[in-house]
Amino acid sequence: MASMTIRNLSEDIKRRLRIQAAEHGHSMEEEAREILRIALTVNRPPVKLAQSIRARFEPLGGVELEVPPRKPMRDPPKLG
């Protein structure tokens, strides 16, 4: 199994982790593993890129773009 060191953890978070671990009868390390396990196994709906982009820019207002007319690039080939 892999190991991980967490640096720059505030004293408040460390204290709260220690208390929560004690309440659950776990070591701080086991409590942290359980928190990560739960957080990373939650089923989230898949992110849809277009909806994410729209949600990000919608508050800024819409943009109307003129769509140029499409023409064939060349005449189609003559068949038979």
PDB file of N, CA and C in Angstrom:
ATOM      1  N   MET A   1       0.828  -1.185   0.000  1.00  0.00           N
ATOM      2  CA  MET A   1       0.000   0.000   0.000  1.00  0.00           C
ATOM      3  C   MET A   1       0.869   1.244   0.000  1.00  0.00           C
ATOM      4  N   ALA A   2       0.329   2.306  -0.547  1.00  0.00           N
ATOM      5  CA  ALA A   2       1.055   3.563  -0.644  1.00  0.00           C
ATOM      6  C   ALA A   2       0.969   4.338   0.664  1.00  0.00           C
ATOM      7  N   SER A   3       1.960   5.188   0.876  1.00  0.00           N
ATOM      8  CA  SER A   3       1.973   6.087   2.028  1.00  0.00           C
ATOM      9  C   SER A   3       1.838   7.512   1.540  1.00  0.00           C
ATOM     10  N   MET A   4       1.350   8.362   2.430  1.00  0.00           N
ATOM     11  CA  MET A   4       1.176   9.762   2.072  1.00  0.00           C
ATOM     12  C   MET A   4       1.405  10.606   3.314  1.00  0.00           C
ATOM     13  N   THR A   5       2.091  11.732   3.136  1.00  0.00           N
ATOM     14  CA  THR A   5       2.305  12.681   4.218  1.00  0.00           C
ATOM     15  C   THR A   5       1.512  13.938   3.889  1.00  0.00           C
ATOM     16  N   ILE A   6       0.797  14.448   4.857  1.00  0.00           N
ATOM     17  CA  ILE A   6       0.032  15.676   4.653  1.00  0.00           C
ATOM     18  C   ILE A   6       0.708  16.789   5.434  1.00  0.00           C
ATOM     19  N   ARG A   7       1.205  17.772   4.692  1.00  0.00           N
ATOM     20  CA  ARG A   7       1.888  18.901   5.309  1.00  0.00           C
ATOM     21  C   ARG A   7       0.940  20.099   5.392  1.00  0.00           C
ATOM     22  N   ASN A   8       1.322  21.054   6.211  1.00  0.00           N
ATOM     23  CA  ASN A   8       0.605  22.324   6.356  1.00  0.00           C
ATOM     24  C   ASN A   8      -0.859  22.131   6.758  1.00  0.00           C
ATOM     25  N   LEU A   9      -1.109  21.163   7.597  1.00  0.00           N
ATOM     26  CA  LEU A   9      -2.444  20.937   8.137  1.00  0.00           C
ATOM     27  C   LEU A   9      -2.612  21.852   9.346  1.00  0.00           C
ATOM     28  N   SER A  10      -3.667  22.624   9.368  1.00  0.00           N
ATOM     29  CA  SER A  10      -3.841  23.562  10.485  1.00  0.00           C
ATOM     30  C   SER A  10      -4.045  22.789  11.791  1.00  0.00           C
ATOM     31  N   GLU A  11      -3.686  23.431  12.871  1.00  0.00           N
ATOM     32  CA  GLU A  11      -3.840  22.802  14.185  1.00  0.00           C
ATOM     33  C   GLU A  11      -5.304  22.500  14.469  1.00  0.00           C
ATOM     34  N   ASP A  12      -6.206  23.368  13.995  1.00  0.00           N
ATOM     35  CA  ASP A  12      -7.638  23.148  14.217  1.00  0.00           C
ATOM     36  C   ASP A  12      -8.105  21.884  13.510  1.00  0.00           C
ATOM     37  N   ILE A  13      -7.704  21.700  12.269  1.00  0.00           N
ATOM     38  CA  ILE A  13      -8.106  20.496  11.519  1.00  0.00           C
ATOM     39  C   ILE A  13      -7.508  19.257  12.164  1.00  0.00           C
ATOM     40  N   LYS A  14      -6.255  19.341  12.566  1.00  0.00           N
ATOM     41  CA  LYS A  14      -5.610  18.195  13.222  1.00  0.00           C
ATOM     42  C   LYS A  14      -6.338  17.842  14.523  1.00  0.00           C
ATOM     43  N   ARG A  15      -6.713  18.854  15.295  1.00  0.00           N
ATOM     44  CA  ARG A  15      -7.424  18.623  16.558  1.00  0.00           C
ATOM     45  C   ARG A  15      -8.781  17.983  16.291  1.00  0.00           C
ATOM     46  N   ARG A  16      -9.508  18.517  15.285  1.00  0.00           N
ATOM     47  CA  ARG A  16     -10.830  17.963  14.962  1.00  0.00           C
ATOM     48  C   ARG A  16     -10.730  16.526  14.457  1.00  0.00           C
ATOM     49  N   LEU A  17      -9.691  16.231  13.675  1.00  0.00           N
ATOM     50  CA  LEU A  17      -9.478  14.857  13.203  1.00  0.00           C
ATOM     51  C   LEU A  17      -9.195  13.931  14.378  1.00  0.00           C
ATOM     52  N   ARG A  18      -8.369  14.393  15.316  1.00  0.00           N
ATOM     53  CA  ARG A  18      -8.040  13.579  16.491  1.00  0.00           C
ATOM     54  C   ARG A  18      -9.299  13.288  17.310  1.00  0.00           C
ATOM     55  N   ILE A  19     -10.158  14.294  17.495  1.00  0.00           N
ATOM     56  CA  ILE A  19     -11.390  14.111  18.270  1.00  0.00           C
ATOM     57  C   ILE A  19     -12.343  13.162  17.549  1.00  0.00           C
ATOM     58  N   GLN A  20     -12.518  13.366  16.239  1.00  0.00           N
ATOM     59  CA  GLN A  20     -13.424  12.500  15.475  1.00  0.00           C
ATOM     60  C   GLN A  20     -12.920  11.060  15.472  1.00  0.00           C
ATOM     61  N   ALA A  21     -11.604  10.886  15.343  1.00  0.00           N
ATOM     62  CA  ALA A  21     -11.026   9.539  15.368  1.00  0.00           C
ATOM     63  C   ALA A  21     -11.301   8.870  16.712  1.00  0.00           C
ATOM     64  N   ALA A  22     -11.127   9.616  17.783  1.00  0.00           N
ATOM     65  CA  ALA A  22     -11.378   9.063  19.120  1.00  0.00           C
ATOM     66  C   ALA A  22     -12.846   8.680  19.283  1.00  0.00           C
ATOM     67  N   GLU A  23     -13.746   9.516  18.745  1.00  0.00           N
ATOM     68  CA  GLU A  23     -15.178   9.200  18.836  1.00  0.00           C
ATOM     69  C   GLU A  23     -15.532   7.925  18.089  1.00  0.00           C
ATOM     70  N   HIS A  24     -14.803   7.646  17.008  1.00  0.00           N
ATOM     71  CA  HIS A  24     -15.065   6.436  16.221  1.00  0.00           C
ATOM     72  C   HIS A  24     -14.184   5.266  16.628  1.00  0.00           C
ATOM     73  N   GLY A  25     -13.331   5.474  17.617  1.00  0.00           N
ATOM     74  CA  GLY A  25     -12.454   4.406  18.079  1.00  0.00           C
ATOM     75  C   GLY A  25     -11.353   4.069  17.080  1.00  0.00           C
ATOM     76  N   HIS A  26     -10.944   5.047  16.282  1.00  0.00           N
ATOM     77  CA  HIS A  26      -9.900   4.845  15.269  1.00  0.00           C
ATOM     78  C   HIS A  26      -8.671   5.667  15.614  1.00  0.00           C
ATOM     79  N   SER A  27      -7.578   5.291  14.989  1.00  0.00           N
ATOM     80  CA  SER A  27      -6.404   6.158  15.020  1.00  0.00           C
ATOM     81  C   SER A  27      -6.670   7.315  14.072  1.00  0.00           C
ATOM     82  N   MET A  28      -5.892   8.376  14.186  1.00  0.00           N
ATOM     83  CA  MET A  28      -6.047   9.508  13.263  1.00  0.00           C
ATOM     84  C   MET A  28      -5.795   9.054  11.832  1.00  0.00           C
ATOM     85  N   GLU A  29      -4.836   8.173  11.641  1.00  0.00           N
ATOM     86  CA  GLU A  29      -4.515   7.678  10.299  1.00  0.00           C
ATOM     87  C   GLU A  29      -5.694   6.901   9.710  1.00  0.00           C
ATOM     88  N   GLU A  30      -6.304   6.024  10.501  1.00  0.00           N
ATOM     89  CA  GLU A  30      -7.451   5.251  10.011  1.00  0.00           C
ATOM     90  C   GLU A  30      -8.639   6.165   9.743  1.00  0.00           C
ATOM     91  N   GLU A  31      -8.833   7.168  10.586  1.00  0.00           N
ATOM     92  CA  GLU A  31      -9.939   8.113  10.379  1.00  0.00           C
ATOM     93  C   GLU A  31      -9.739   8.885   9.074  1.00  0.00           C
ATOM     94  N   ALA A  32      -8.515   9.317   8.815  1.00  0.00           N
ATOM     95  CA  ALA A  32      -8.221  10.031   7.566  1.00  0.00           C
ATOM     96  C   ALA A  32      -8.461   9.117   6.368  1.00  0.00           C
ATOM     97  N   ARG A  33      -8.056   7.845   6.457  1.00  0.00           N
ATOM     98  CA  ARG A  33      -8.312   6.889   5.365  1.00  0.00           C
ATOM     99  C   ARG A  33      -9.809   6.737   5.121  1.00  0.00           C
ATOM    100  N   GLU A  34     -10.570   6.638   6.190  1.00  0.00           N
ATOM    101  CA  GLU A  34     -12.019   6.469   6.054  1.00  0.00           C
ATOM    102  C   GLU A  34     -12.660   7.709   5.424  1.00  0.00           C
ATOM    103  N   ILE A  35     -12.233   8.885   5.837  1.00  0.00           N
ATOM    104  CA  ILE A  35     -12.758  10.129   5.257  1.00  0.00           C
ATOM    105  C   ILE A  35     -12.467  10.161   3.762  1.00  0.00           C
ATOM    106  N   LEU A  36     -11.245   9.840   3.365  1.00  0.00           N
ATOM    107  CA  LEU A  36     -10.886   9.814   1.944  1.00  0.00           C
ATOM    108  C   LEU A  36     -11.681   8.749   1.193  1.00  0.00           C
ATOM    109  N   ARG A  37     -11.817   7.575   1.798  1.00  0.00           N
ATOM    110  CA  ARG A  37     -12.549   6.484   1.161  1.00  0.00           C
ATOM    111  C   ARG A  37     -13.987   6.906   0.867  1.00  0.00           C
ATOM    112  N   ILE A  38     -14.639   7.505   1.834  1.00  0.00           N
ATOM    113  CA  ILE A  38     -16.030   7.945   1.667  1.00  0.00           C
ATOM    114  C   ILE A  38     -16.113   9.050   0.624  1.00  0.00           C
ATOM    115  N   ALA A  39     -15.232  10.035   0.716  1.00  0.00           N
ATOM    116  CA  ALA A  39     -15.272  11.175  -0.201  1.00  0.00           C
ATOM    117  C   ALA A  39     -15.048  10.764  -1.647  1.00  0.00           C
ATOM    118  N   LEU A  40     -14.225   9.764  -1.867  1.00  0.00           N
ATOM    119  CA  LEU A  40     -13.869   9.384  -3.227  1.00  0.00           C
ATOM    120  C   LEU A  40     -14.728   8.270  -3.803  1.00  0.00           C
ATOM    121  N   THR A  41     -15.646   7.711  -3.020  1.00  0.00           N
ATOM    122  CA  THR A  41     -16.512   6.668  -3.552  1.00  0.00           C
ATOM    123  C   THR A  41     -17.950   7.145  -3.724  1.00  0.00           C
ATOM    124  N   VAL A  42     -18.201   8.419  -3.455  1.00  0.00           N
ATOM    125  CA  VAL A  42     -19.542   8.973  -3.654  1.00  0.00           C
ATOM    126  C   VAL A  42     -19.825   8.980  -5.148  1.00  0.00           C
ATOM    127  N   ASN A  43     -20.970   8.447  -5.532  1.00  0.00           N
ATOM    128  CA  ASN A  43     -21.343   8.435  -6.948  1.00  0.00           C
ATOM    129  C   ASN A  43     -21.824   9.817  -7.351  1.00  0.00           C
ATOM    130  N   ARG A  44     -21.070  10.443  -8.234  1.00  0.00           N
ATOM    131  CA  ARG A  44     -21.444  11.762  -8.746  1.00  0.00           C
ATOM    132  C   ARG A  44     -21.862  11.616 -10.192  1.00  0.00           C
ATOM    133  N   PRO A  45     -22.828  12.417 -10.602  1.00  0.00           N
ATOM    134  CA  PRO A  45     -23.207  12.355 -12.020  1.00  0.00           C
ATOM    135  C   PRO A  45     -22.030  12.813 -12.882  1.00  0.00           C
ATOM    136  N   PRO A  46     -21.893  12.266 -14.072  1.00  0.00           N
ATOM    137  CA  PRO A  46     -20.782  12.667 -14.923  1.00  0.00           C
ATOM    138  C   PRO A  46     -20.882  14.145 -15.293  1.00  0.00           C
ATOM    139  N   VAL A  47     -19.735  14.774 -15.392  1.00  0.00           N
ATOM    140  CA  VAL A  47     -19.692  16.187 -15.754  1.00  0.00           C
ATOM    141  C   VAL A  47     -19.879  16.310 -17.259  1.00  0.00           C
ATOM    142  N   LYS A  48     -20.807  17.156 -17.654  1.00  0.00           N
ATOM    143  CA  LYS A  48     -21.046  17.390 -19.075  1.00  0.00           C
ATOM    144  C   LYS A  48     -20.404  18.723 -19.429  1.00  0.00           C
ATOM    145  N   LEU A  49     -19.435  18.679 -20.317  1.00  0.00           N
ATOM    146  CA  LEU A  49     -18.625  19.843 -20.623  1.00  0.00           C
ATOM    147  C   LEU A  49     -19.460  21.035 -21.079  1.00  0.00           C
ATOM    148  N   ALA A  50     -20.377  20.824 -22.010  1.00  0.00           N
ATOM    149  CA  ALA A  50     -21.175  21.937 -22.533  1.00  0.00           C
ATOM    150  C   ALA A  50     -21.998  22.589 -21.421  1.00  0.00           C
ATOM    151  N   GLN A  51     -22.579  21.792 -20.544  1.00  0.00           N
ATOM    152  CA  GLN A  51     -23.373  22.352 -19.450  1.00  0.00           C
ATOM    153  C   GLN A  51     -22.492  23.116 -18.469  1.00  0.00           C
ATOM    154  N   SER A  52     -21.291  22.620 -18.223  1.00  0.00           N
ATOM    155  CA  SER A  52     -20.370  23.302 -17.320  1.00  0.00           C
ATOM    156  C   SER A  52     -19.958  24.656 -17.882  1.00  0.00           C
ATOM    157  N   ILE A  53     -19.655  24.696 -19.171  1.00  0.00           N
ATOM    158  CA  ILE A  53     -19.261  25.953 -19.803  1.00  0.00           C
ATOM    159  C   ILE A  53     -20.425  26.937 -19.786  1.00  0.00           C
ATOM    160  N   ARG A  54     -21.613  26.449 -20.123  1.00  0.00           N
ATOM    161  CA  ARG A  54     -22.800  27.318 -20.128  1.00  0.00           C
ATOM    162  C   ARG A  54     -23.056  27.877 -18.736  1.00  0.00           C
ATOM    163  N   ALA A  55     -22.968  27.046 -17.721  1.00  0.00           N
ATOM    164  CA  ALA A  55     -23.212  27.495 -16.349  1.00  0.00           C
ATOM    165  C   ALA A  55     -22.185  28.541 -15.921  1.00  0.00           C
ATOM    166  N   ARG A  56     -20.964  28.386 -16.380  1.00  0.00           N
ATOM    167  CA  ARG A  56     -19.907  29.333 -16.011  1.00  0.00           C
ATOM    168  C   ARG A  56     -20.148  30.710 -16.621  1.00  0.00           C
ATOM    169  N   PHE A  57     -20.576  30.746 -17.885  1.00  0.00           N
ATOM    170  CA  PHE A  57     -20.695  32.012 -18.600  1.00  0.00           C
ATOM    171  C   PHE A  57     -22.108  32.591 -18.635  1.00  0.00           C
ATOM    172  N   GLU A  58     -23.107  31.832 -18.242  1.00  0.00           N
ATOM    173  CA  GLU A  58     -24.489  32.301 -18.291  1.00  0.00           C
ATOM    174  C   GLU A  58     -24.714  33.596 -17.507  1.00  0.00           C
ATOM    175  N   PRO A  59     -24.137  33.748 -16.324  1.00  0.00           N
ATOM    176  CA  PRO A  59     -24.354  34.996 -15.585  1.00  0.00           C
ATOM    177  C   PRO A  59     -23.819  36.237 -16.310  1.00  0.00           C
ATOM    178  N   LEU A  60     -22.923  36.060 -17.250  1.00  0.00           N
ATOM    179  CA  LEU A  60     -22.355  37.190 -17.972  1.00  0.00           C
ATOM    180  C   LEU A  60     -23.250  37.669 -19.104  1.00  0.00           C
ATOM    181  N   GLY A  61     -24.278  36.923 -19.416  1.00  0.00           N
ATOM    182  CA  GLY A  61     -25.185  37.285 -20.501  1.00  0.00           C
ATOM    183  C   GLY A  61     -24.874  36.478 -21.746  1.00  0.00           C
ATOM    184  N   GLY A  62     -25.827  36.477 -22.652  1.00  0.00           N
ATOM    185  CA  GLY A  62     -25.668  35.690 -23.868  1.00  0.00           C
ATOM    186  C   GLY A  62     -24.857  36.420 -24.928  1.00  0.00           C
ATOM    187  N   VAL A  63     -24.439  35.681 -25.890  1.00  0.00           N
ATOM    188  CA  VAL A  63     -23.712  36.226 -27.030  1.00  0.00           C
ATOM    189  C   VAL A  63     -24.394  35.703 -28.280  1.00  0.00           C
ATOM    190  N   GLU A  64     -24.750  36.616 -29.145  1.00  0.00           N
ATOM    191  CA  GLU A  64     -25.364  36.224 -30.405  1.00  0.00           C
ATOM    192  C   GLU A  64     -24.295  36.208 -31.490  1.00  0.00           C
ATOM    193  N   LEU A  65     -24.079  35.077 -32.062  1.00  0.00           N
ATOM    194  CA  LEU A  65     -23.102  34.938 -33.135  1.00  0.00           C
ATOM    195  C   LEU A  65     -23.837  34.716 -34.449  1.00  0.00           C
ATOM    196  N   GLU A  66     -23.400  35.412 -35.471  1.00  0.00           N
ATOM    197  CA  GLU A  66     -23.991  35.221 -36.788  1.00  0.00           C
ATOM    198  C   GLU A  66     -23.361  33.987 -37.421  1.00  0.00           C
ATOM    199  N   VAL A  67     -24.202  33.083 -37.834  1.00  0.00           N
ATOM    200  CA  VAL A  67     -23.713  31.867 -38.480  1.00  0.00           C
ATOM    201  C   VAL A  67     -23.695  32.125 -39.986  1.00  0.00           C
ATOM    202  N   PRO A  68     -22.514  32.071 -40.580  1.00  0.00           N
ATOM    203  CA  PRO A  68     -22.443  32.338 -42.012  1.00  0.00           C
ATOM    204  C   PRO A  68     -23.118  31.213 -42.795  1.00  0.00           C
ATOM    205  N   PRO A  69     -23.706  31.542 -43.952  1.00  0.00           N
ATOM    206  CA  PRO A  69     -24.336  30.494 -44.758  1.00  0.00           C
ATOM    207  C   PRO A  69     -23.283  29.522 -45.268  1.00  0.00           C
ATOM    208  N   ARG A  70     -23.679  28.279 -45.373  1.00  0.00           N
ATOM    209  CA  ARG A  70     -22.748  27.249 -45.841  1.00  0.00           C
ATOM    210  C   ARG A  70     -22.980  26.987 -47.315  1.00  0.00           C
ATOM    211  N   LYS A  71     -21.898  26.855 -48.033  1.00  0.00           N
ATOM    212  CA  LYS A  71     -21.952  26.536 -49.454  1.00  0.00           C
ATOM    213  C   LYS A  71     -21.096  25.299 -49.672  1.00  0.00           C
ATOM    214  N   PRO A  72     -21.393  24.551 -50.710  1.00  0.00           N
ATOM    215  CA  PRO A  72     -20.532  23.398 -50.970  1.00  0.00           C
ATOM    216  C   PRO A  72     -19.128  23.876 -51.324  1.00  0.00           C
ATOM    217  N   MET A  73     -18.142  23.103 -50.917  1.00  0.00           N
ATOM    218  CA  MET A  73     -16.757  23.461 -51.199  1.00  0.00           C
ATOM    219  C   MET A  73     -16.419  23.251 -52.674  1.00  0.00           C
ATOM    220  N   ARG A  74     -17.098  22.307 -53.311  1.00  0.00           N
ATOM    221  CA  ARG A  74     -16.883  22.025 -54.739  1.00  0.00           C
ATOM    222  C   ARG A  74     -18.162  21.393 -55.265  1.00  0.00           C
ATOM    223  N   ASP A  75     -18.267  21.315 -56.552  1.00  0.00           N
ATOM    224  CA  ASP A  75     -19.426  20.662 -57.152  1.00  0.00           C
ATOM    225  C   ASP A  75     -19.343  19.172 -56.851  1.00  0.00           C
ATOM    226  N   PRO A  76     -20.484  18.559 -56.581  1.00  0.00           N
ATOM    227  CA  PRO A  76     -20.441  17.128 -56.319  1.00  0.00           C
ATOM    228  C   PRO A  76     -20.050  16.361 -57.593  1.00  0.00           C
ATOM    229  N   PRO A  77     -19.431  15.196 -57.444  1.00  0.00           N
ATOM    230  CA  PRO A  77     -19.034  14.429 -58.627  1.00  0.00           C
ATOM    231  C   PRO A  77     -20.257  13.918 -59.396  1.00  0.00           C
ATOM    232  N   LYS A  78     -20.101  13.791 -60.681  1.00  0.00           N
ATOM    233  CA  LYS A  78     -21.176  13.261 -61.529  1.00  0.00           C
ATOM    234  C   LYS A  78     -21.078  11.739 -61.519  1.00  0.00           C
ATOM    235  N   LEU A  79     -22.146  11.116 -61.148  1.00  0.00           N
ATOM    236  CA  LEU A  79     -22.172   9.653 -61.101  1.00  0.00           C
ATOM    237  C   LEU A  79     -22.961   9.114 -62.272  1.00  0.00           C
ATOM    238  N   GLY A  80     -22.402   8.126 -62.911  1.00  0.00           N
ATOM    239  CA  GLY A  80     -22.985   7.323 -63.910  1.00  0.00           C
ATOM    240  C   GLY A  80     -23.567   7.828 -65.109  1.00  0.00           C
TER     241      GLY A  80
END
